Amino acid sequence: MTNDRHIKTAVVTGAAGFIGRYLLVELTREGTHVCALVRNPVARLPELRAWVDAHGGNGSRLAAADFDLEAADLGLTPDGEAWLDRADAVFHLAARFEFGLSAEAARVANVDASLRLVERVARSPRLERLVYLSGYRTEGGPARALDVDDPAALRRFYRDHGAYEASKMEAHQRVARRAEELGVPLTRVSPAVVIGHGETGETTQFIGLVETLRLLHARRLPALPGDASTWLPLVTVDLVAAILARVPADPRSLGEHLVVFDERSPALPDLVKRAAAHMGVPAPRLRLPVWLVRALPTALSGVDREGLSFISSDRYDAAPMHAFMERTRLAPPDIEVALTRWVDFLVAHAFGVPASVR
């Protein structure tokens, strides 16, 4: 971490996830003592410590305590409560990231739990920053137009965009509002499509765009949704983790919403074409409008119907991210090189498909 100061104690929810693991590396490497709030902490802590050590962090600075998104009290035990009371920073990364959720299940895990955590950390005497992980589509046209206080509009949004995305869009607004009401120092960070590590390509996440690339590699992707302007902005997981780790020590980011992405990301057709050339397979030439893809099986389109909400030509304001990176002396990795290394990792690891079901 390149800040002149760094936080001493932090709590991370979602620490066992893709982004969470790299955040643990960033924090512990710089001397921060971290409590990972996870389910089954006794069983998971040894593996997390070993993973952090293997990736350049310091696992000895890592503890773990219970956390449950679906519990009314968040599943917090006395040791977890104690960590929250002495934390300088709390990073809320945990969410139910899956398609096919009911609206009720998505709201419980992604909206209600986030609000409960805001209310809990409002009592934390040492808190300097709550860092909330949101999503880049919160800055897309439909999400900006959403009025979460209009029940009918909210129901339509859940119906049209799927429960996962809708719950994240709702939480994005409600978390900011509740934090302001309670005086909680908040920064929201919204990464774009997160790919593997910029140097190694390593990933632990095999959903979303990965499924499209898996079908491409298997020569089972005859068409792409969208058109030539369709854009899925990319960002490497190490850059997301580095930005998250630096937020609490950056006074100017207080109250900000940082959308984190690489402006050099290729448009979706070009991205797929480059990946196909690298893998030595033909790229699909056919492009289909989103309304038609919605009627096709996922196996044919390569995109889950809920994932179609991400098929857009929207562009995003990079100014806050660039200003933050300049202040914290961060530079993004080469996205072209990172994309190639990510594809190599995916192919080498069979796109995360277990050997028993290949």
Protein backbone atom coordinates (compact mmCIF):
# COMPACT_ATOMS: atom_id res chain seq x y z
CA MET A 1 0.00 0.00 0.00
CA THR A 2 1.48 3.35 -0.97
CA ASN A 3 -0.40 5.59 1.45
CA ASP A 4 1.71 7.36 4.05
CA ARG A 5 -0.53 5.76 6.67
CA HIS A 6 -2.52 2.57 6.78
CA ILE A 7 -5.27 1.20 8.94
CA LYS A 8 -4.34 -0.97 11.91
CA THR A 9 -7.46 -3.11 12.27
CA ALA A 10 -10.07 -4.11 9.72
CA VAL A 11 -13.08 -6.38 9.34
CA VAL A 12 -13.95 -7.93 5.98
CA THR A 13 -17.22 -9.65 5.10
CA GLY A 14 -17.14 -11.90 2.07
CA ALA A 15 -13.46 -12.52 2.77
CA ALA A 16 -13.50 -16.02 1.31
CA GLY A 17 -14.77 -14.76 -2.05
CA PHE A 18 -12.79 -13.85 -5.15
CA ILE A 19 -12.23 -10.17 -4.38
CA GLY A 20 -12.17 -10.75 -0.63
CA ARG A 21 -9.17 -13.07 -0.76
CA TYR A 22 -7.05 -10.55 -2.65
CA LEU A 23 -8.15 -7.82 -0.26
CA LEU A 24 -6.89 -9.95 2.65
CA VAL A 25 -3.53 -10.16 0.88
CA GLU A 26 -3.36 -6.37 0.40
CA LEU A 27 -4.31 -5.57 3.98
CA THR A 28 -2.18 -8.13 5.83
CA ARG A 29 0.86 -7.42 3.66
CA GLU A 30 0.88 -3.86 4.98
CA GLY A 31 0.53 -4.83 8.63
CA THR A 32 -3.23 -4.54 9.10
CA HIS A 33 -4.79 -7.06 11.46
CA VAL A 34 -7.92 -8.41 9.84
CA CYS A 35 -10.95 -10.36 10.97
CA ALA A 36 -12.68 -12.27 8.16
CA LEU A 37 -16.40 -12.53 8.88
CA VAL A 38 -17.41 -15.83 7.26
CA ARG A 39 -19.56 -18.88 7.81
CA ASN A 40 -17.80 -21.77 9.60
CA PRO A 41 -14.78 -19.67 10.62
CA VAL A 42 -12.99 -22.44 12.53
CA ALA A 43 -12.99 -24.69 9.49
CA ARG A 44 -12.17 -21.97 6.97
CA LEU A 45 -9.46 -19.98 8.74
CA PRO A 46 -6.55 -22.39 8.13
CA GLU A 47 -7.25 -22.50 4.40
CA LEU A 48 -7.63 -18.72 4.19
CA ARG A 49 -4.36 -18.16 6.06
CA ALA A 50 -2.54 -20.57 3.75
CA TRP A 51 -4.00 -18.89 0.66
CA VAL A 52 -3.03 -15.43 1.89
CA ASP A 53 0.53 -16.59 2.66
CA ALA A 54 0.83 -18.22 -0.77
CA HIS A 55 -0.19 -14.98 -2.50
CA GLY A 56 2.15 -12.59 -0.72
CA GLY A 57 0.14 -11.59 2.35
CA ASN A 58 0.67 -12.44 6.00
CA GLY A 59 -1.78 -15.09 7.21
CA SER A 60 -0.66 -14.68 10.82
CA ARG A 61 -2.43 -11.31 10.87
CA LEU A 62 -5.74 -12.94 9.94
CA ALA A 63 -8.49 -14.04 12.33
CA ALA A 64 -12.04 -15.16 11.58
CA ALA A 65 -15.47 -14.98 13.19
CA ASP A 66 -19.02 -15.99 12.34
CA PHE A 67 -21.17 -14.09 9.87
CA ASP A 68 -24.43 -14.97 8.14
CA LEU A 69 -26.15 -12.71 5.63
CA GLU A 70 -29.49 -14.39 6.23
CA ALA A 71 -29.52 -14.15 10.04
CA ALA A 72 -31.43 -11.32 11.70
CA ASP A 73 -28.38 -10.57 13.89
CA LEU A 74 -25.96 -11.30 11.01
CA GLY A 75 -24.84 -14.36 12.97
CA LEU A 76 -22.39 -12.25 14.94
CA THR A 77 -20.78 -13.84 18.00
CA PRO A 78 -19.02 -11.96 20.84
CA ASP A 79 -15.63 -12.19 19.13
CA GLY A 80 -17.07 -10.77 15.92
CA GLU A 81 -18.75 -7.97 17.86
CA ALA A 82 -15.44 -7.19 19.56
CA TRP A 83 -13.66 -6.94 16.22
CA LEU A 84 -16.31 -4.56 14.92
CA ASP A 85 -15.89 -2.38 18.01
CA ARG A 86 -12.16 -1.98 17.50
CA ALA A 87 -12.07 -1.85 13.69
CA ASP A 88 -10.73 1.24 11.94
CA ALA A 89 -12.32 0.04 8.71
CA VAL A 90 -15.08 -2.37 7.74
CA PHE A 91 -15.27 -3.74 4.21
CA HIS A 92 -18.65 -5.17 3.26
CA LEU A 93 -18.10 -7.46 0.29
CA ALA A 94 -20.49 -10.27 1.16
CA ALA A 95 -23.50 -10.82 -1.06
CA ARG A 96 -25.46 -13.64 -2.65
CA PHE A 97 -24.11 -13.54 -6.18
CA GLU A 98 -26.22 -15.96 -8.18
CA PHE A 99 -28.94 -15.90 -10.77
CA GLY A 100 -32.37 -17.41 -10.22
CA LEU A 101 -32.87 -16.04 -6.71
CA SER A 102 -36.33 -15.05 -5.55
CA ALA A 103 -36.83 -11.36 -4.84
CA GLU A 104 -37.29 -12.17 -1.16
CA ALA A 105 -34.07 -14.18 -0.87
CA ALA A 106 -32.05 -11.55 -2.73
CA ARG A 107 -33.43 -8.74 -0.58
CA VAL A 108 -32.68 -10.56 2.67
CA ALA A 109 -29.04 -11.21 1.76
CA ASN A 110 -28.16 -8.15 -0.28
CA VAL A 111 -30.39 -5.34 1.00
CA ASP A 112 -31.50 -6.16 4.53
CA ALA A 113 -28.13 -7.56 5.65
CA SER A 114 -26.28 -4.53 4.29
CA LEU A 115 -28.58 -2.16 6.16
CA ARG A 116 -28.17 -4.17 9.37
CA LEU A 117 -24.41 -3.90 9.04
CA VAL A 118 -24.61 -0.13 8.53
CA GLU A 119 -26.71 0.11 11.68
CA ARG A 120 -24.27 -2.09 13.61
CA VAL A 121 -21.12 -0.20 12.63
CA ALA A 122 -22.82 3.08 13.51
CA ARG A 123 -22.05 2.00 17.11
CA SER A 124 -18.41 1.17 16.39
CA PRO A 125 -16.38 3.79 18.28
CA ARG A 126 -13.20 3.64 16.18
CA LEU A 127 -14.66 3.34 12.71
CA GLU A 128 -12.98 5.58 10.13
CA ARG A 129 -14.63 4.10 7.05
CA LEU A 130 -17.24 1.63 5.92
CA VAL A 131 -16.32 0.48 2.41
CA TYR A 132 -19.30 -1.01 0.60
CA LEU A 133 -18.77 -3.11 -2.53
CA SER A 134 -21.48 -2.27 -5.03
CA GLY A 135 -21.62 -2.82 -8.81
CA TYR A 136 -20.84 -0.76 -11.89
CA ARG A 137 -24.34 -1.13 -13.35
CA THR A 138 -25.56 1.15 -10.57
CA GLU A 139 -24.35 3.88 -12.92
CA GLY A 140 -26.22 2.46 -15.91
CA GLY A 141 -29.28 4.25 -17.25
CA PRO A 142 -31.99 1.95 -15.77
CA ALA A 143 -30.45 1.95 -12.29
CA ARG A 144 -29.99 5.73 -12.20
CA ALA A 145 -33.67 6.13 -13.09
CA LEU A 146 -34.85 3.71 -10.41
CA ASP A 147 -36.88 5.16 -7.54
CA VAL A 148 -36.54 2.59 -4.75
CA ASP A 149 -39.33 4.34 -2.83
CA ASP A 150 -41.83 3.54 -5.60
CA PRO A 151 -43.04 -0.03 -4.85
CA ALA A 152 -44.45 -0.55 -8.33
CA ALA A 153 -41.26 0.65 -10.02
CA LEU A 154 -39.19 -1.56 -7.75
CA ARG A 155 -41.31 -4.62 -8.54
CA ARG A 156 -40.92 -3.96 -12.26
CA PHE A 157 -37.15 -3.58 -11.85
CA TYR A 158 -36.91 -6.94 -10.05
CA ARG A 159 -39.03 -8.55 -12.75
CA ASP A 160 -37.14 -7.03 -15.68
CA HIS A 161 -33.56 -7.29 -14.41
CA GLY A 162 -33.60 -10.30 -12.11
CA ALA A 163 -33.42 -10.45 -8.34
CA TYR A 164 -29.65 -10.39 -7.99
CA GLU A 165 -29.02 -7.24 -9.97
CA ALA A 166 -32.15 -5.52 -8.68
CA SER A 167 -31.21 -6.20 -5.07
CA LYS A 168 -27.75 -4.72 -5.61
CA MET A 169 -29.23 -1.63 -7.26
CA GLU A 170 -31.69 -1.21 -4.38
CA ALA A 171 -28.99 -1.75 -1.75
CA HIS A 172 -26.70 0.77 -3.45
CA GLN A 173 -29.22 3.53 -2.81
CA ARG A 174 -30.50 2.41 0.58
CA VAL A 175 -27.03 1.86 2.08
CA ALA A 176 -25.99 5.42 1.17
CA ARG A 177 -29.17 6.85 2.61
CA ARG A 178 -28.96 4.90 5.88
CA ALA A 179 -25.27 5.68 6.35
CA GLU A 180 -25.99 9.38 5.96
CA GLU A 181 -28.85 9.19 8.47
CA LEU A 182 -26.62 7.48 11.06
CA GLY A 183 -23.44 9.43 10.36
CA VAL A 184 -21.52 6.38 9.16
CA PRO A 185 -18.43 7.35 7.08
CA LEU A 186 -19.12 5.54 3.81
CA THR A 187 -17.42 4.99 0.49
CA ARG A 188 -19.03 2.86 -2.19
CA VAL A 189 -16.75 1.05 -4.65
CA SER A 190 -18.26 -0.49 -7.78
CA PRO A 191 -16.00 -2.75 -9.83
CA ALA A 192 -16.81 -3.60 -13.44
CA VAL A 193 -16.47 -7.18 -14.73
CA VAL A 194 -13.68 -8.56 -12.55
CA ILE A 195 -11.20 -10.80 -14.35
CA GLY A 196 -8.14 -12.64 -13.07
CA HIS A 197 -4.97 -11.26 -11.54
CA GLY A 198 -3.15 -8.87 -13.87
CA GLU A 199 0.12 -10.82 -13.71
CA THR A 200 -0.95 -14.44 -13.28
CA GLY A 201 -4.49 -14.50 -14.67
CA GLU A 202 -5.54 -16.48 -11.60
CA THR A 203 -9.20 -16.45 -10.65
CA THR A 204 -11.48 -18.31 -8.29
CA GLN A 205 -14.64 -17.06 -10.03
CA PHE A 206 -16.08 -19.04 -12.92
CA ILE A 207 -19.42 -17.42 -13.66
CA GLY A 208 -20.71 -14.63 -15.90
CA LEU A 209 -18.39 -13.85 -18.80
CA VAL A 210 -16.42 -17.01 -18.04
CA GLU A 211 -19.38 -19.12 -19.14
CA THR A 212 -19.45 -17.31 -22.48
CA LEU A 213 -15.73 -17.99 -22.96
CA ARG A 214 -16.21 -21.64 -21.96
CA LEU A 215 -18.83 -22.09 -24.69
CA LEU A 216 -16.54 -20.26 -27.13
CA HIS A 217 -13.67 -22.63 -26.33
CA ALA A 218 -15.99 -25.61 -26.78
CA ARG A 219 -17.10 -24.24 -30.18
CA ARG A 220 -20.66 -23.96 -28.88
CA LEU A 221 -21.13 -20.20 -29.14
CA PRO A 222 -22.74 -19.48 -32.51
CA ALA A 223 -23.90 -15.94 -31.71
CA LEU A 224 -23.32 -12.98 -29.42
CA PRO A 225 -25.97 -10.76 -27.83
CA GLY A 226 -25.91 -7.03 -28.52
CA ASP A 227 -24.15 -5.15 -31.28
CA ALA A 228 -20.78 -3.63 -32.12
CA SER A 229 -21.13 -1.03 -29.35
CA THR A 230 -21.86 -3.56 -26.57
CA TRP A 231 -19.29 -3.05 -23.83
CA LEU A 232 -18.46 -5.03 -20.72
CA PRO A 233 -15.80 -2.94 -18.96
CA LEU A 234 -13.12 -5.08 -17.35
CA VAL A 235 -10.91 -4.70 -14.30
CA THR A 236 -8.35 -7.04 -12.77
CA VAL A 237 -8.96 -8.42 -9.30
CA ASP A 238 -5.62 -7.16 -7.96
CA LEU A 239 -6.45 -3.58 -8.94
CA VAL A 240 -9.87 -3.81 -7.27
CA ALA A 241 -8.26 -5.13 -4.08
CA ALA A 242 -5.59 -2.44 -4.11
CA ILE A 243 -8.17 0.32 -4.48
CA LEU A 244 -10.39 -1.10 -1.74
CA ALA A 245 -7.46 -1.36 0.67
CA ARG A 246 -6.45 2.26 0.12
CA VAL A 247 -9.88 3.82 0.55
CA PRO A 248 -9.97 4.09 4.38
CA ALA A 249 -6.71 6.07 4.49
CA ASP A 250 -7.85 8.50 1.77
CA PRO A 251 -9.86 11.37 3.28
CA ARG A 252 -11.04 12.68 -0.08
CA SER A 253 -12.85 9.46 -0.93
CA LEU A 254 -15.23 9.87 2.00
CA GLY A 255 -18.76 9.93 0.61
CA GLU A 256 -17.58 9.08 -2.91
CA HIS A 257 -18.79 6.41 -5.28
CA LEU A 258 -15.81 4.98 -7.17
CA VAL A 259 -16.64 3.03 -10.32
CA VAL A 260 -13.55 0.92 -11.03
CA PHE A 261 -12.89 -0.16 -14.60
CA ASP A 262 -10.35 -0.02 -17.41
CA GLU A 263 -11.37 2.33 -20.19
CA ARG A 264 -9.20 0.37 -22.61
CA SER A 265 -11.45 -2.69 -22.32
CA PRO A 266 -12.47 -3.84 -25.81
CA ALA A 267 -16.09 -3.92 -26.93
CA LEU A 268 -17.67 -7.33 -26.36
CA PRO A 269 -17.44 -8.55 -29.99
CA ASP A 270 -13.77 -7.56 -30.13
CA LEU A 271 -13.10 -9.14 -26.74
CA VAL A 272 -14.60 -12.44 -27.89
CA LYS A 273 -12.76 -12.24 -31.22
CA ARG A 274 -9.42 -11.75 -29.46
CA ALA A 275 -10.14 -14.57 -27.01
CA ALA A 276 -11.12 -16.87 -29.88
CA ALA A 277 -7.93 -16.11 -31.80
CA HIS A 278 -5.85 -16.76 -28.68
CA MET A 279 -7.62 -20.07 -28.05
CA GLY A 280 -7.45 -21.08 -31.70
CA VAL A 281 -11.21 -21.39 -32.19
CA PRO A 282 -13.59 -19.55 -34.55
CA ALA A 283 -15.34 -16.46 -33.25
CA PRO A 284 -19.10 -16.17 -33.72
CA ARG A 285 -20.08 -13.86 -36.55
CA LEU A 286 -23.77 -13.64 -35.75
CA ARG A 287 -25.04 -10.95 -33.36
CA LEU A 288 -28.53 -11.06 -31.95
CA PRO A 289 -30.62 -8.31 -30.34
CA VAL A 290 -31.13 -8.71 -26.62
CA TRP A 291 -34.90 -9.17 -26.96
CA LEU A 292 -34.31 -12.22 -29.12
CA VAL A 293 -31.58 -13.68 -26.91
CA ARG A 294 -34.02 -13.59 -23.99
CA ALA A 295 -36.07 -16.18 -25.82
CA LEU A 296 -33.10 -18.50 -26.48
CA PRO A 297 -31.74 -21.22 -24.18
CA THR A 298 -28.67 -20.17 -22.19
CA ALA A 299 -26.72 -23.05 -23.73
CA LEU A 300 -27.15 -21.44 -27.14
CA SER A 301 -26.70 -17.77 -26.25
CA GLY A 302 -23.93 -18.26 -23.67
CA VAL A 303 -25.58 -15.65 -21.44
CA ASP A 304 -27.94 -16.29 -18.57
CA ARG A 305 -31.15 -14.36 -19.06
CA GLU A 306 -30.43 -12.31 -15.94
CA GLY A 307 -26.98 -11.59 -17.32
CA LEU A 308 -28.56 -9.82 -20.26
CA SER A 309 -29.01 -6.77 -18.03
CA PHE A 310 -25.26 -6.31 -18.38
CA ILE A 311 -25.43 -6.23 -22.18
CA SER A 312 -25.26 -2.51 -22.73
CA SER A 313 -23.39 0.23 -24.55
CA ASP A 314 -23.38 2.50 -21.46
CA ARG A 315 -20.17 4.34 -20.61
CA TYR A 316 -19.10 5.47 -17.14
CA ASP A 317 -17.38 8.43 -15.52
CA ALA A 318 -13.75 7.51 -14.88
CA ALA A 319 -12.74 10.84 -13.34
CA PRO A 320 -13.26 9.89 -9.66
CA MET A 321 -11.31 6.65 -10.16
CA HIS A 322 -8.43 8.39 -11.93
CA ALA A 323 -8.22 11.07 -9.26
CA PHE A 324 -8.16 8.42 -6.53
CA MET A 325 -5.48 6.37 -8.28
CA GLU A 326 -3.32 9.45 -8.76
CA ARG A 327 -3.63 10.34 -5.06
CA THR A 328 -2.74 6.81 -3.98
CA ARG A 329 -0.06 6.29 -6.61
CA LEU A 330 -1.72 3.31 -8.26
CA ALA A 331 -1.38 2.29 -11.90
CA PRO A 332 -3.56 -0.25 -13.69
CA PRO A 333 -2.04 -3.34 -15.28
CA ASP A 334 -2.07 -3.69 -19.06
CA ILE A 335 -5.61 -4.89 -19.72
CA GLU A 336 -4.66 -6.61 -23.00
CA VAL A 337 -1.97 -8.67 -21.29
CA ALA A 338 -4.22 -9.34 -18.31
CA LEU A 339 -7.03 -10.55 -20.57
CA THR A 340 -4.71 -12.99 -22.33
CA ARG A 341 -3.35 -14.35 -19.05
CA TRP A 342 -6.87 -14.74 -17.69
CA VAL A 343 -7.95 -16.71 -20.77
CA ASP A 344 -4.86 -18.91 -20.42
CA PHE A 345 -5.71 -19.59 -16.78
CA LEU A 346 -9.33 -20.42 -17.64
CA VAL A 347 -8.31 -22.88 -20.34
CA ALA A 348 -5.66 -24.48 -18.12
CA HIS A 349 -8.24 -24.94 -15.37
CA ALA A 350 -11.07 -26.12 -17.61
CA PHE A 351 -13.10 -22.97 -16.88
CA GLY A 352 -13.67 -24.23 -13.34
CA VAL A 353 -15.64 -27.28 -14.44
CA PRO A 354 -14.88 -30.24 -12.12
CA ALA A 355 -13.24 -33.21 -13.84
CA SER A 356 -16.13 -35.44 -12.79
CA VAL A 357 -18.62 -33.48 -14.94
CA ARG A 358 -16.53 -32.50 -17.97
